[in-house]
Protein backbone atom coordinates (compact mmCIF):
# COMPACT_ATOMS: atom_id res chain seq x y z
CA MET A 1 -0.38 0.46 -0.15
CA GLU A 2 2.94 2.17 0.33
CA ASN A 3 4.28 2.15 -2.41
CA PHE A 4 1.07 2.03 -4.27
CA SER A 5 1.10 5.62 -2.24
CA LYS A 6 4.00 6.51 -3.53
CA ILE A 7 3.86 5.78 -6.85
CA LEU A 8 0.66 7.41 -7.34
CA LYS A 9 0.95 10.17 -5.32
CA LYS A 10 -2.08 9.73 -3.37
CA ASP A 11 -2.80 8.62 0.71
CA LYS A 12 -3.41 5.58 1.59
CA THR A 13 -7.07 7.06 2.63
CA THR A 14 -7.57 8.09 -0.68
CA ILE A 15 -6.65 4.88 -2.08
CA VAL A 16 -9.01 2.74 -0.51
CA ASN A 17 -11.67 5.19 -0.99
CA GLU A 18 -11.44 5.30 -5.19
CA ALA A 19 -11.23 1.47 -4.74
CA LEU A 20 -14.25 1.04 -3.11
CA GLU A 21 -15.94 3.48 -4.93
CA GLU A 22 -15.13 1.68 -8.53
CA TYR A 23 -15.75 -1.64 -6.86
CA PHE A 24 -19.26 -1.04 -5.93
CA VAL A 25 -20.60 1.00 -9.37
CA GLN A 26 -19.37 -2.55 -10.46
CA GLU A 27 -21.26 -4.65 -8.46
CA GLN A 28 -23.90 -2.12 -8.76
CA LYS A 29 -23.63 -3.01 -12.57
CA LYS A 30 -23.58 -6.72 -12.43
CA LEU A 31 -26.72 -6.62 -10.18
CA LEU A 32 -28.44 -4.49 -12.84
CA GLU A 33 -27.16 -6.67 -15.72
CA LYS A 34 -28.40 -10.13 -13.88
CA ASN A 35 -31.82 -8.13 -12.83
CA MET A 36 -32.72 -6.84 -16.85
CA ALA A 37 -31.55 -10.81 -17.75
CA ASP A 38 -33.97 -12.50 -14.84
CA GLU A 39 -36.85 -10.40 -16.22
CA ASN A 40 -35.91 -11.00 -19.54
CA SER A 41 -36.55 -14.76 -18.96
CA LEU A 42 -39.10 -14.09 -17.14
CA THR A 43 -40.89 -12.05 -19.69
CA ASN A 44 -39.79 -14.54 -22.65
CA LEU A 45 -42.60 -16.22 -24.37
CA ASP A 46 -42.62 -17.52 -28.00
CA PHE A 47 -45.79 -17.22 -29.71
CA ASP A 48 -47.47 -20.29 -28.81
CA GLU A 49 -46.76 -19.68 -25.29
CA PHE A 50 -48.43 -15.51 -25.16
CA TRP A 51 -51.07 -17.30 -26.88
CA GLU A 52 -52.15 -20.71 -25.23
CA GLY A 53 -55.60 -20.42 -23.84
CA VAL A 54 -56.47 -17.62 -25.21
CA GLU A 55 -60.05 -17.47 -26.93
CA VAL A 56 -60.23 -14.55 -29.45
């Protein structure tokens, strides 16, 4: 950590905060993608499945 602090010319707290922020951004992105995939799988009916049991 000390080496990164010297290389990046940032204090350790800033490095940790930036890393955590990036981590949570990536995790939120994964969750949103998973939710979209789950939602799509729940609503992904083919034509026959959609109209099954419907009387016109």
